Amino acid sequence: MSEHKDNPDTYPVLGRMLLWVDKPGSANKIFWALAVVCGLLFLADFTFEKHGYFDVEHLPGFFGAYGFIMFTGLILAAKGLRVLIKRPEDYYGDKAVDREEYPEAELEKVDYDA
């Protein structure tokens, strides 16, 4: 049984580069960075000529707003679908995999508090 080690020096290169994401305050930095990128992309929408089929496609920011509305609709549809296909927690009863009894001798128990 290997010993549990959580040493960042043993992480792969990409893992070490992304350690800042786990620090407090990083979520706010990511949010504001995305907000700035979205704002810049909206401003870039004014810099080129659009050749859309419908008149509404020529409005600045149309595709961003359309994407946001459709994504919101997708989330709401998924919530509605969940009501239709949701099953109770004990739906599979005794045939569920997590209901199996495992021999204590074959379990690798790790004490993370030690």
PDB file of N, CA and C in Angstrom:
ATOM      1  N   MET A   1       0.843  -1.167   0.000  1.00  0.00           N
ATOM      2  CA  MET A   1       0.000   0.000   0.000  1.00  0.00           C
ATOM      3  C   MET A   1       0.895   1.239   0.000  1.00  0.00           C
ATOM      4  N   SER A   2       0.669   2.136  -0.963  1.00  0.00           N
ATOM      5  CA  SER A   2       1.500   3.325  -1.058  1.00  0.00           C
ATOM      6  C   SER A   2       1.033   4.373  -0.053  1.00  0.00           C
ATOM      7  N   GLU A   3       1.969   5.162   0.405  1.00  0.00           N
ATOM      8  CA  GLU A   3       1.672   6.201   1.378  1.00  0.00           C
ATOM      9  C   GLU A   3       1.114   7.423   0.661  1.00  0.00           C
ATOM     10  N   HIS A   4       0.101   8.039   1.257  1.00  0.00           N
ATOM     11  CA  HIS A   4      -0.545   9.205   0.647  1.00  0.00           C
ATOM     12  C   HIS A   4       0.344  10.429   0.818  1.00  0.00           C
ATOM     13  N   LYS A   5       0.773  11.016  -0.288  1.00  0.00           N
ATOM     14  CA  LYS A   5       1.608  12.216  -0.245  1.00  0.00           C
ATOM     15  C   LYS A   5       0.943  13.287  -1.109  1.00  0.00           C
ATOM     16  N   ASP A   6       0.851  14.481  -0.564  1.00  0.00           N
ATOM     17  CA  ASP A   6       0.274  15.585  -1.317  1.00  0.00           C
ATOM     18  C   ASP A   6       1.314  16.690  -1.420  1.00  0.00           C
ATOM     19  N   ASN A   7       2.360  16.401  -2.154  1.00  0.00           N
ATOM     20  CA  ASN A   7       3.458  17.330  -2.325  1.00  0.00           C
ATOM     21  C   ASN A   7       3.361  17.945  -3.719  1.00  0.00           C
ATOM     22  N   PRO A   8       3.138  19.263  -3.822  1.00  0.00           N
ATOM     23  CA  PRO A   8       3.014  19.895  -5.152  1.00  0.00           C
ATOM     24  C   PRO A   8       4.239  19.711  -6.037  1.00  0.00           C
ATOM     25  N   ASP A   9       5.403  19.442  -5.446  1.00  0.00           N
ATOM     26  CA  ASP A   9       6.598  19.226  -6.269  1.00  0.00           C
ATOM     27  C   ASP A   9       6.508  17.952  -7.089  1.00  0.00           C
ATOM     28  N   THR A  10       5.637  17.023  -6.690  1.00  0.00           N
ATOM     29  CA  THR A  10       5.493  15.769  -7.428  1.00  0.00           C
ATOM     30  C   THR A  10       4.412  15.864  -8.505  1.00  0.00           C
ATOM     31  N   TYR A  11       3.709  16.997  -8.600  1.00  0.00           N
ATOM     32  CA  TYR A  11       2.661  17.172  -9.602  1.00  0.00           C
ATOM     33  C   TYR A  11       3.277  17.321 -10.990  1.00  0.00           C
ATOM     34  N   PRO A  12       2.517  16.993 -12.032  1.00  0.00           N
ATOM     35  CA  PRO A  12       2.999  17.269 -13.392  1.00  0.00           C
ATOM     36  C   PRO A  12       3.119  18.786 -13.603  1.00  0.00           C
ATOM     37  N   VAL A  13       3.797  19.175 -14.661  1.00  0.00           N
ATOM     38  CA  VAL A  13       4.061  20.589 -14.930  1.00  0.00           C
ATOM     39  C   VAL A  13       2.754  21.387 -15.014  1.00  0.00           C
ATOM     40  N   LEU A  14       1.776  20.881 -15.754  1.00  0.00           N
ATOM     41  CA  LEU A  14       0.510  21.601 -15.890  1.00  0.00           C
ATOM     42  C   LEU A  14      -0.206  21.710 -14.548  1.00  0.00           C
ATOM     43  N   GLY A  15      -0.131  20.683 -13.731  1.00  0.00           N
ATOM     44  CA  GLY A  15      -0.732  20.721 -12.405  1.00  0.00           C
ATOM     45  C   GLY A  15      -0.109  21.788 -11.533  1.00  0.00           C
ATOM     46  N   ARG A  16       1.221  21.936 -11.605  1.00  0.00           N
ATOM     47  CA  ARG A  16       1.901  22.975 -10.820  1.00  0.00           C
ATOM     48  C   ARG A  16       1.545  24.359 -11.336  1.00  0.00           C
ATOM     49  N   MET A  17       1.362  24.501 -12.662  1.00  0.00           N
ATOM     50  CA  MET A  17       1.023  25.814 -13.221  1.00  0.00           C
ATOM     51  C   MET A  17      -0.389  26.244 -12.817  1.00  0.00           C
ATOM     52  N   LEU A  18      -1.279  25.292 -12.587  1.00  0.00           N
ATOM     53  CA  LEU A  18      -2.670  25.614 -12.266  1.00  0.00           C
ATOM     54  C   LEU A  18      -2.966  25.617 -10.767  1.00  0.00           C
ATOM     55  N   LEU A  19      -1.958  25.556  -9.923  1.00  0.00           N
ATOM     56  CA  LEU A  19      -2.188  25.564  -8.480  1.00  0.00           C
ATOM     57  C   LEU A  19      -2.826  26.870  -8.006  1.00  0.00           C
ATOM     58  N   TRP A  20      -2.624  27.969  -8.712  1.00  0.00           N
ATOM     59  CA  TRP A  20      -3.189  29.258  -8.302  1.00  0.00           C
ATOM     60  C   TRP A  20      -4.714  29.243  -8.331  1.00  0.00           C
ATOM     61  N   VAL A  21      -5.317  28.349  -9.120  1.00  0.00           N
ATOM     62  CA  VAL A  21      -6.773  28.295  -9.232  1.00  0.00           C
ATOM     63  C   VAL A  21      -7.405  27.901  -7.896  1.00  0.00           C
ATOM     64  N   ASP A  22      -6.703  27.136  -7.091  1.00  0.00           N
ATOM     65  CA  ASP A  22      -7.230  26.623  -5.828  1.00  0.00           C
ATOM     66  C   ASP A  22      -7.094  27.620  -4.682  1.00  0.00           C
ATOM     67  N   LYS A  23      -6.405  28.732  -4.877  1.00  0.00           N
ATOM     68  CA  LYS A  23      -6.183  29.692  -3.801  1.00  0.00           C
ATOM     69  C   LYS A  23      -7.428  30.568  -3.602  1.00  0.00           C
ATOM     70  N   PRO A  24      -7.624  31.057  -2.378  1.00  0.00           N
ATOM     71  CA  PRO A  24      -8.774  31.948  -2.118  1.00  0.00           C
ATOM     72  C   PRO A  24      -8.692  33.210  -2.975  1.00  0.00           C
ATOM     73  N   GLY A  25      -9.822  33.634  -3.488  1.00  0.00           N
ATOM     74  CA  GLY A  25      -9.876  34.827  -4.315  1.00  0.00           C
ATOM     75  C   GLY A  25      -9.695  34.565  -5.801  1.00  0.00           C
ATOM     76  N   SER A  26      -9.303  33.351  -6.157  1.00  0.00           N
ATOM     77  CA  SER A  26      -9.079  33.045  -7.575  1.00  0.00           C
ATOM     78  C   SER A  26     -10.380  33.029  -8.360  1.00  0.00           C
ATOM     79  N   ALA A  27     -11.482  32.632  -7.733  1.00  0.00           N
ATOM     80  CA  ALA A  27     -12.767  32.601  -8.437  1.00  0.00           C
ATOM     81  C   ALA A  27     -13.162  34.005  -8.888  1.00  0.00           C
ATOM     82  N   ASN A  28     -12.920  35.001  -8.051  1.00  0.00           N
ATOM     83  CA  ASN A  28     -13.231  36.382  -8.437  1.00  0.00           C
ATOM     84  C   ASN A  28     -12.358  36.840  -9.599  1.00  0.00           C
ATOM     85  N   LYS A  29     -11.087  36.466  -9.566  1.00  0.00           N
ATOM     86  CA  LYS A  29     -10.175  36.838 -10.656  1.00  0.00           C
ATOM     87  C   LYS A  29     -10.626  36.205 -11.964  1.00  0.00           C
ATOM     88  N   ILE A  30     -11.022  34.939 -11.916  1.00  0.00           N
ATOM     89  CA  ILE A  30     -11.482  34.249 -13.124  1.00  0.00           C
ATOM     90  C   ILE A  30     -12.761  34.895 -13.639  1.00  0.00           C
ATOM     91  N   PHE A  31     -13.689  35.212 -12.732  1.00  0.00           N
ATOM     92  CA  PHE A  31     -14.943  35.848 -13.135  1.00  0.00           C
ATOM     93  C   PHE A  31     -14.687  37.176 -13.834  1.00  0.00           C
ATOM     94  N   TRP A  32     -13.867  38.021 -13.236  1.00  0.00           N
ATOM     95  CA  TRP A  32     -13.617  39.336 -13.832  1.00  0.00           C
ATOM     96  C   TRP A  32     -12.806  39.217 -15.123  1.00  0.00           C
ATOM     97  N   ALA A  33     -11.919  38.254 -15.217  1.00  0.00           N
ATOM     98  CA  ALA A  33     -11.181  38.050 -16.473  1.00  0.00           C
ATOM     99  C   ALA A  33     -12.146  37.649 -17.590  1.00  0.00           C
ATOM    100  N   LEU A  34     -13.099  36.755 -17.279  1.00  0.00           N
ATOM    101  CA  LEU A  34     -14.093  36.368 -18.281  1.00  0.00           C
ATOM    102  C   LEU A  34     -14.994  37.544 -18.658  1.00  0.00           C
ATOM    103  N   ALA A  35     -15.353  38.377 -17.674  1.00  0.00           N
ATOM    104  CA  ALA A  35     -16.182  39.551 -17.954  1.00  0.00           C
ATOM    105  C   ALA A  35     -15.453  40.515 -18.887  1.00  0.00           C
ATOM    106  N   VAL A  36     -14.159  40.720 -18.666  1.00  0.00           N
ATOM    107  CA  VAL A  36     -13.369  41.611 -19.528  1.00  0.00           C
ATOM    108  C   VAL A  36     -13.267  41.032 -20.936  1.00  0.00           C
ATOM    109  N   VAL A  37     -13.023  39.736 -21.041  1.00  0.00           N
ATOM    110  CA  VAL A  37     -12.928  39.098 -22.364  1.00  0.00           C
ATOM    111  C   VAL A  37     -14.260  39.228 -23.113  1.00  0.00           C
ATOM    112  N   CYS A  38     -15.371  38.997 -22.397  1.00  0.00           N
ATOM    113  CA  CYS A  38     -16.689  39.139 -23.042  1.00  0.00           C
ATOM    114  C   CYS A  38     -16.934  40.564 -23.491  1.00  0.00           C
ATOM    115  N   GLY A  39     -16.539  41.536 -22.673  1.00  0.00           N
ATOM    116  CA  GLY A  39     -16.692  42.940 -23.055  1.00  0.00           C
ATOM    117  C   GLY A  39     -15.861  43.287 -24.275  1.00  0.00           C
ATOM    118  N   LEU A  40     -14.632  42.805 -24.327  1.00  0.00           N
ATOM    119  CA  LEU A  40     -13.771  43.067 -25.483  1.00  0.00           C
ATOM    120  C   LEU A  40     -14.322  42.413 -26.751  1.00  0.00           C
ATOM    121  N   LEU A  41     -14.867  41.212 -26.608  1.00  0.00           N
ATOM    122  CA  LEU A  41     -15.457  40.553 -27.778  1.00  0.00           C
ATOM    123  C   LEU A  41     -16.705  41.283 -28.252  1.00  0.00           C
ATOM    124  N   PHE A  42     -17.474  41.840 -27.308  1.00  0.00           N
ATOM    125  CA  PHE A  42     -18.640  42.631 -27.700  1.00  0.00           C
ATOM    126  C   PHE A  42     -18.201  43.882 -28.458  1.00  0.00           C
ATOM    127  N   LEU A  43     -17.154  44.547 -27.988  1.00  0.00           N
ATOM    128  CA  LEU A  43     -16.647  45.734 -28.689  1.00  0.00           C
ATOM    129  C   LEU A  43     -16.072  45.360 -30.058  1.00  0.00           C
ATOM    130  N   ALA A  44     -15.463  44.196 -30.161  1.00  0.00           N
ATOM    131  CA  ALA A  44     -14.918  43.757 -31.446  1.00  0.00           C
ATOM    132  C   ALA A  44     -16.026  43.505 -32.462  1.00  0.00           C
ATOM    133  N   ASP A  45     -17.233  43.282 -31.982  1.00  0.00           N
ATOM    134  CA  ASP A  45     -18.366  43.037 -32.873  1.00  0.00           C
ATOM    135  C   ASP A  45     -18.695  44.262 -33.726  1.00  0.00           C
ATOM    136  N   PHE A  46     -18.261  45.438 -33.294  1.00  0.00           N
ATOM    137  CA  PHE A  46     -18.509  46.669 -34.049  1.00  0.00           C
ATOM    138  C   PHE A  46     -17.472  46.903 -35.141  1.00  0.00           C
ATOM    139  N   THR A  47     -16.419  46.105 -35.200  1.00  0.00           N
ATOM    140  CA  THR A  47     -15.288  46.409 -36.080  1.00  0.00           C
ATOM    141  C   THR A  47     -15.333  45.719 -37.436  1.00  0.00           C
ATOM    142  N   PHE A  48     -16.340  44.913 -37.700  1.00  0.00           N
ATOM    143  CA  PHE A  48     -16.374  44.243 -38.998  1.00  0.00           C
ATOM    144  C   PHE A  48     -17.787  44.245 -39.552  1.00  0.00           C
ATOM    145  N   GLU A  49     -17.860  44.089 -40.848  1.00  0.00           N
ATOM    146  CA  GLU A  49     -19.152  44.081 -41.534  1.00  0.00           C
ATOM    147  C   GLU A  49     -19.740  42.672 -41.494  1.00  0.00           C
ATOM    148  N   LYS A  50     -21.008  42.609 -41.137  1.00  0.00           N
ATOM    149  CA  LYS A  50     -21.672  41.312 -41.022  1.00  0.00           C
ATOM    150  C   LYS A  50     -22.459  41.034 -42.294  1.00  0.00           C
ATOM    151  N   HIS A  51     -22.482  39.779 -42.705  1.00  0.00           N
ATOM    152  CA  HIS A  51     -23.227  39.366 -43.893  1.00  0.00           C
ATOM    153  C   HIS A  51     -24.244  38.306 -43.498  1.00  0.00           C
ATOM    154  N   GLY A  52     -25.189  38.699 -42.662  1.00  0.00           N
ATOM    155  CA  GLY A  52     -26.195  37.763 -42.188  1.00  0.00           C
ATOM    156  C   GLY A  52     -27.364  37.652 -43.155  1.00  0.00           C
ATOM    157  N   TYR A  53     -28.120  36.580 -43.012  1.00  0.00           N
ATOM    158  CA  TYR A  53     -29.278  36.342 -43.859  1.00  0.00           C
ATOM    159  C   TYR A  53     -30.487  37.118 -43.347  1.00  0.00           C
ATOM    160  N   PHE A  54     -30.637  37.184 -42.023  1.00  0.00           N
ATOM    161  CA  PHE A  54     -31.755  37.901 -41.417  1.00  0.00           C
ATOM    162  C   PHE A  54     -31.279  39.249 -40.897  1.00  0.00           C
ATOM    163  N   ASP A  55     -32.186  40.223 -40.834  1.00  0.00           N
ATOM    164  CA  ASP A  55     -31.827  41.565 -40.374  1.00  0.00           C
ATOM    165  C   ASP A  55     -31.351  41.580 -38.930  1.00  0.00           C
ATOM    166  N   VAL A  56     -31.924  40.712 -38.112  1.00  0.00           N
ATOM    167  CA  VAL A  56     -31.567  40.694 -36.698  1.00  0.00           C
ATOM    168  C   VAL A  56     -30.104  40.293 -36.497  1.00  0.00           C
ATOM    169  N   GLU A  57     -29.524  39.581 -37.431  1.00  0.00           N
ATOM    170  CA  GLU A  57     -28.126  39.158 -37.333  1.00  0.00           C
ATOM    171  C   GLU A  57     -27.159  40.320 -37.446  1.00  0.00           C
ATOM    172  N   HIS A  58     -27.622  41.453 -37.922  1.00  0.00           N
ATOM    173  CA  HIS A  58     -26.758  42.621 -38.084  1.00  0.00           C
ATOM    174  C   HIS A  58     -26.665  43.441 -36.802  1.00  0.00           C
ATOM    175  N   LEU A  59     -27.490  43.142 -35.799  1.00  0.00           N
ATOM    176  CA  LEU A  59     -27.435  43.871 -34.534  1.00  0.00           C
ATOM    177  C   LEU A  59     -26.160  43.522 -33.782  1.00  0.00           C
ATOM    178  N   PRO A  60     -25.464  44.529 -33.222  1.00  0.00           N
ATOM    179  CA  PRO A  60     -24.252  44.238 -32.451  1.00  0.00           C
ATOM    180  C   PRO A  60     -24.589  43.410 -31.206  1.00  0.00           C
ATOM    181  N   GLY A  61     -23.830  42.387 -30.976  1.00  0.00           N
ATOM    182  CA  GLY A  61     -24.019  41.537 -29.804  1.00  0.00           C
ATOM    183  C   GLY A  61     -25.158  40.549 -29.933  1.00  0.00           C
ATOM    184  N   PHE A  62     -25.755  40.427 -31.114  1.00  0.00           N
ATOM    185  CA  PHE A  62     -26.892  39.515 -31.272  1.00  0.00           C
ATOM    186  C   PHE A  62     -26.516  38.081 -30.942  1.00  0.00           C
ATOM    187  N   PHE A  63     -25.407  37.606 -31.470  1.00  0.00           N
ATOM    188  CA  PHE A  63     -25.058  36.204 -31.272  1.00  0.00           C
ATOM    189  C   PHE A  63     -24.688  35.907 -29.820  1.00  0.00           C
ATOM    190  N   GLY A  64     -24.102  36.872 -29.118  1.00  0.00           N
ATOM    191  CA  GLY A  64     -23.831  36.692 -27.701  1.00  0.00           C
ATOM    192  C   GLY A  64     -25.126  36.588 -26.901  1.00  0.00           C
ATOM    193  N   ALA A  65     -26.065  37.486 -27.189  1.00  0.00           N
ATOM    194  CA  ALA A  65     -27.359  37.451 -26.490  1.00  0.00           C
ATOM    195  C   ALA A  65     -28.131  36.182 -26.848  1.00  0.00           C
ATOM    196  N   TYR A  66     -28.107  35.820 -28.120  1.00  0.00           N
ATOM    197  CA  TYR A  66     -28.796  34.610 -28.566  1.00  0.00           C
ATOM    198  C   TYR A  66     -28.217  33.369 -27.873  1.00  0.00           C
ATOM    199  N   GLY A  67     -26.892  33.287 -27.783  1.00  0.00           N
ATOM    200  CA  GLY A  67     -26.243  32.165 -27.114  1.00  0.00           C
ATOM    201  C   GLY A  67     -26.597  32.109 -25.639  1.00  0.00           C
ATOM    202  N   PHE A  68     -26.639  33.277 -24.992  1.00  0.00           N
ATOM    203  CA  PHE A  68     -26.985  33.307 -23.574  1.00  0.00           C
ATOM    204  C   PHE A  68     -28.422  32.849 -23.357  1.00  0.00           C
ATOM    205  N   ILE A  69     -29.334  33.316 -24.188  1.00  0.00           N
ATOM    206  CA  ILE A  69     -30.747  32.942 -24.059  1.00  0.00           C
ATOM    207  C   ILE A  69     -30.930  31.442 -24.328  1.00  0.00           C
ATOM    208  N   MET A  70     -30.281  30.924 -25.352  1.00  0.00           N
ATOM    209  CA  MET A  70     -30.419  29.498 -25.666  1.00  0.00           C
ATOM    210  C   MET A  70     -29.790  28.624 -24.580  1.00  0.00           C
ATOM    211  N   PHE A  71     -28.659  29.049 -24.024  1.00  0.00           N
ATOM    212  CA  PHE A  71     -28.034  28.275 -22.954  1.00  0.00           C
ATOM    213  C   PHE A  71     -28.930  28.259 -21.720  1.00  0.00           C
ATOM    214  N   THR A  72     -29.525  29.408 -21.398  1.00  0.00           N
ATOM    215  CA  THR A  72     -30.452  29.474 -20.269  1.00  0.00           C
ATOM    216  C   THR A  72     -31.654  28.566 -20.527  1.00  0.00           C
ATOM    217  N   GLY A  73     -32.166  28.572 -21.760  1.00  0.00           N
ATOM    218  CA  GLY A  73     -33.274  27.693 -22.109  1.00  0.00           C
ATOM    219  C   GLY A  73     -32.897  26.229 -21.984  1.00  0.00           C
ATOM    220  N   LEU A  74     -31.673  25.892 -22.343  1.00  0.00           N
ATOM    221  CA  LEU A  74     -31.198  24.518 -22.226  1.00  0.00           C
ATOM    222  C   LEU A  74     -31.154  24.076 -20.764  1.00  0.00           C
ATOM    223  N   ILE A  75     -30.679  24.944 -19.892  1.00  0.00           N
ATOM    224  CA  ILE A  75     -30.627  24.632 -18.462  1.00  0.00           C
ATOM    225  C   ILE A  75     -32.036  24.441 -17.914  1.00  0.00           C
ATOM    226  N   LEU A  76     -32.967  25.320 -18.275  1.00  0.00           N
ATOM    227  CA  LEU A  76     -34.352  25.195 -17.799  1.00  0.00           C
ATOM    228  C   LEU A  76     -35.006  23.934 -18.346  1.00  0.00           C
ATOM    229  N   ALA A  77     -34.721  23.584 -19.589  1.00  0.00           N
ATOM    230  CA  ALA A  77     -35.269  22.353 -20.165  1.00  0.00           C
ATOM    231  C   ALA A  77     -34.716  21.129 -19.438  1.00  0.00           C
ATOM    232  N   ALA A  78     -33.442  21.158 -19.075  1.00  0.00           N
ATOM    233  CA  ALA A  78     -32.843  20.041 -18.344  1.00  0.00           C
ATOM    234  C   ALA A  78     -33.483  19.893 -16.969  1.00  0.00           C
ATOM    235  N   LYS A  79     -33.771  21.018 -16.319  1.00  0.00           N
ATOM    236  CA  LYS A  79     -34.439  20.938 -15.013  1.00  0.00           C
ATOM    237  C   LYS A  79     -35.830  20.343 -15.165  1.00  0.00           C
ATOM    238  N   GLY A  80     -36.532  20.714 -16.212  1.00  0.00           N
ATOM    239  CA  GLY A  80     -37.856  20.145 -16.460  1.00  0.00           C
ATOM    240  C   GLY A  80     -37.783  18.671 -16.791  1.00  0.00           C
ATOM    241  N   LEU A  81     -36.800  18.284 -17.574  1.00  0.00           N
ATOM    242  CA  LEU A  81     -36.625  16.878 -17.936  1.00  0.00           C
ATOM    243  C   LEU A  81     -36.278  16.032 -16.713  1.00  0.00           C
ATOM    244  N   ARG A  82     -35.565  16.628 -15.783  1.00  0.00           N
ATOM    245  CA  ARG A  82     -35.196  15.914 -14.554  1.00  0.00           C
ATOM    246  C   ARG A  82     -36.428  15.471 -13.794  1.00  0.00           C
ATOM    247  N   VAL A  83     -37.466  16.292 -13.793  1.00  0.00           N
ATOM    248  CA  VAL A  83     -38.709  15.938 -13.107  1.00  0.00           C
ATOM    249  C   VAL A  83     -39.319  14.682 -13.733  1.00  0.00           C
ATOM    250  N   LEU A  84     -39.202  14.558 -15.042  1.00  0.00           N
ATOM    251  CA  LEU A  84     -39.796  13.420 -15.737  1.00  0.00           C
ATOM    252  C   LEU A  84     -39.010  12.119 -15.571  1.00  0.00           C
ATOM    253  N   ILE A  85     -37.682  12.206 -15.532  1.00  0.00           N
ATOM    254  CA  ILE A  85     -36.878  10.981 -15.530  1.00  0.00           C
ATOM    255  C   ILE A  85     -36.231  10.677 -14.184  1.00  0.00           C
ATOM    256  N   LYS A  86     -36.475  11.486 -13.173  1.00  0.00           N
ATOM    257  CA  LYS A  86     -35.861  11.256 -11.859  1.00  0.00           C
ATOM    258  C   LYS A  86     -36.389   9.965 -11.242  1.00  0.00           C
ATOM    259  N   ARG A  87     -35.502   9.221 -10.601  1.00  0.00           N
ATOM    260  CA  ARG A  87     -35.856   7.990  -9.917  1.00  0.00           C
ATOM    261  C   ARG A  87     -35.525   8.133  -8.442  1.00  0.00           C
ATOM    262  N   PRO A  88     -36.242   7.405  -7.581  1.00  0.00           N
ATOM    263  CA  PRO A  88     -35.908   7.476  -6.154  1.00  0.00           C
ATOM    264  C   PRO A  88     -34.512   6.922  -5.884  1.00  0.00           C
ATOM    265  N   GLU A  89     -33.967   7.295  -4.745  1.00  0.00           N
ATOM    266  CA  GLU A  89     -32.594   6.906  -4.419  1.00  0.00           C
ATOM    267  C   GLU A  89     -32.422   5.398  -4.350  1.00  0.00           C
ATOM    268  N   ASP A  90     -33.425   4.680  -3.897  1.00  0.00           N
ATOM    269  CA  ASP A  90     -33.328   3.227  -3.777  1.00  0.00           C
ATOM    270  C   ASP A  90     -34.025   2.506  -4.939  1.00  0.00           C
ATOM    271  N   TYR A  91     -33.988   3.106  -6.117  1.00  0.00           N
ATOM    272  CA  TYR A  91     -34.680   2.574  -7.291  1.00  0.00           C
ATOM    273  C   TYR A  91     -34.220   1.160  -7.643  1.00  0.00           C
ATOM    274  N   TYR A  92     -32.923   0.901  -7.559  1.00  0.00           N
ATOM    275  CA  TYR A  92     -32.404  -0.412  -7.933  1.00  0.00           C
ATOM    276  C   TYR A  92     -32.465  -1.407  -6.779  1.00  0.00           C
ATOM    277  N   GLY A  93     -32.745  -0.949  -5.583  1.00  0.00           N
ATOM    278  CA  GLY A  93     -32.896  -1.835  -4.428  1.00  0.00           C
ATOM    279  C   GLY A  93     -31.650  -2.643  -4.136  1.00  0.00           C
ATOM    280  N   ASP A  94     -31.835  -3.953  -3.947  1.00  0.00           N
ATOM    281  CA  ASP A  94     -30.714  -4.824  -3.591  1.00  0.00           C
ATOM    282  C   ASP A  94     -29.784  -5.097  -4.767  1.00  0.00           C
ATOM    283  N   LYS A  95     -30.167  -4.751  -5.972  1.00  0.00           N
ATOM    284  CA  LYS A  95     -29.330  -5.009  -7.146  1.00  0.00           C
ATOM    285  C   LYS A  95     -28.338  -3.887  -7.425  1.00  0.00           C
ATOM    286  N   ALA A  96     -28.365  -2.827  -6.642  1.00  0.00           N
ATOM    287  CA  ALA A  96     -27.442  -1.715  -6.830  1.00  0.00           C
ATOM    288  C   ALA A  96     -26.027  -2.139  -6.477  1.00  0.00           C
ATOM    289  N   VAL A  97     -25.061  -1.631  -7.217  1.00  0.00           N
ATOM    290  CA  VAL A  97     -23.665  -2.002  -7.004  1.00  0.00           C
ATOM    291  C   VAL A  97     -23.193  -1.557  -5.624  1.00  0.00           C
ATOM    292  N   ASP A  98     -23.626  -0.388  -5.175  1.00  0.00           N
ATOM    293  CA  ASP A  98     -23.146   0.097  -3.892  1.00  0.00           C
ATOM    294  C   ASP A  98     -23.797  -0.601  -2.702  1.00  0.00           C
ATOM    295  N   ARG A  99     -24.689  -1.529  -2.949  1.00  0.00           N
ATOM    296  CA  ARG A  99     -25.305  -2.299  -1.867  1.00  0.00           C
ATOM    297  C   ARG A  99     -24.535  -3.591  -1.583  1.00  0.00           C
ATOM    298  N   GLU A 100     -23.530  -3.884  -2.402  1.00  0.00           N
ATOM    299  CA  GLU A 100     -22.755  -5.107  -2.195  1.00  0.00           C
ATOM    300  C   GLU A 100     -21.963  -5.036  -0.897  1.00  0.00           C
ATOM    301  N   GLU A 101     -21.789  -6.157  -0.283  1.00  0.00           N
ATOM    302  CA  GLU A 101     -20.956  -6.254   0.911  1.00  0.00           C
ATOM    303  C   GLU A 101     -19.549  -6.656   0.476  1.00  0.00           C
ATOM    304  N   TYR A 102     -18.552  -5.933   0.926  1.00  0.00           N
ATOM    305  CA  TYR A 102     -17.173  -6.231   0.580  1.00  0.00           C
ATOM    306  C   TYR A 102     -16.471  -6.847   1.788  1.00  0.00           C
ATOM    307  N   PRO A 103     -15.624  -7.835   1.559  1.00  0.00           N
ATOM    308  CA  PRO A 103     -14.870  -8.420   2.677  1.00  0.00           C
ATOM    309  C   PRO A 103     -13.918  -7.375   3.262  1.00  0.00           C
ATOM    310  N   GLU A 104     -13.909  -7.242   4.573  1.00  0.00           N
ATOM    311  CA  GLU A 104     -13.072  -6.236   5.236  1.00  0.00           C
ATOM    312  C   GLU A 104     -11.589  -6.426   4.909  1.00  0.00           C
ATOM    313  N   ALA A 105     -11.160  -7.675   4.742  1.00  0.00           N
ATOM    314  CA  ALA A 105      -9.744  -7.948   4.497  1.00  0.00           C
ATOM    315  C   ALA A 105      -9.294  -7.424   3.137  1.00  0.00           C
ATOM    316  N   GLU A 106     -10.208  -7.291   2.179  1.00  0.00           N
ATOM    317  CA  GLU A 106      -9.840  -6.869   0.833  1.00  0.00           C
ATOM    318  C   GLU A 106      -9.959  -5.363   0.627  1.00  0.00           C
ATOM    319  N   LEU A 107     -10.423  -4.632   1.624  1.00  0.00           N
ATOM    320  CA  LEU A 107     -10.552  -3.188   1.505  1.00  0.00           C
ATOM    321  C   LEU A 107      -9.243  -2.511   1.881  1.00  0.00           C
ATOM    322  N   GLU A 108      -8.804  -1.575   1.060  1.00  0.00           N
ATOM    323  CA  GLU A 108      -7.604  -0.800   1.388  1.00  0.00           C
ATOM    324  C   GLU A 108      -8.056   0.469   2.066  1.00  0.00           C
ATOM    325  N   LYS A 109      -8.009   0.471   3.367  1.00  0.00           N
ATOM    326  CA  LYS A 109      -8.435   1.639   4.121  1.00  0.00           C
ATOM    327  C   LYS A 109      -7.244   2.554   4.341  1.00  0.00           C
ATOM    328  N   VAL A 110      -7.437   3.841   4.102  1.00  0.00           N
ATOM    329  CA  VAL A 110      -6.390   4.822   4.250  1.00  0.00           C
ATOM    330  C   VAL A 110      -6.831   5.811   5.322  1.00  0.00           C
ATOM    331  N   ASP A 111      -5.991   6.033   6.310  1.00  0.00           N
ATOM    332  CA  ASP A 111      -6.288   6.994   7.351  1.00  0.00           C
ATOM    333  C   ASP A 111      -5.619   8.306   6.988  1.00  0.00           C
ATOM    334  N   TYR A 112      -6.390   9.252   6.449  1.00  0.00           N
ATOM    335  CA  TYR A 112      -5.830  10.513   5.990  1.00  0.00           C
ATOM    336  C   TYR A 112      -5.528  11.468   7.143  1.00  0.00           C
ATOM    337  N   ASP A 113      -6.056  11.184   8.314  1.00  0.00           N
ATOM    338  CA  ASP A 113      -5.797  12.051   9.464  1.00  0.00           C
ATOM    339  C   ASP A 113      -4.489  11.711  10.180  1.00  0.00           C
ATOM    340  N   ALA A 114      -3.882  10.611   9.819  1.00  0.00           N
ATOM    341  CA  ALA A 114      -2.664  10.179  10.515  1.00  0.00           C
ATOM    342  C   ALA A 114      -1.460  10.923  10.006  1.00  0.00           C
TER     343      ALA A 114
END
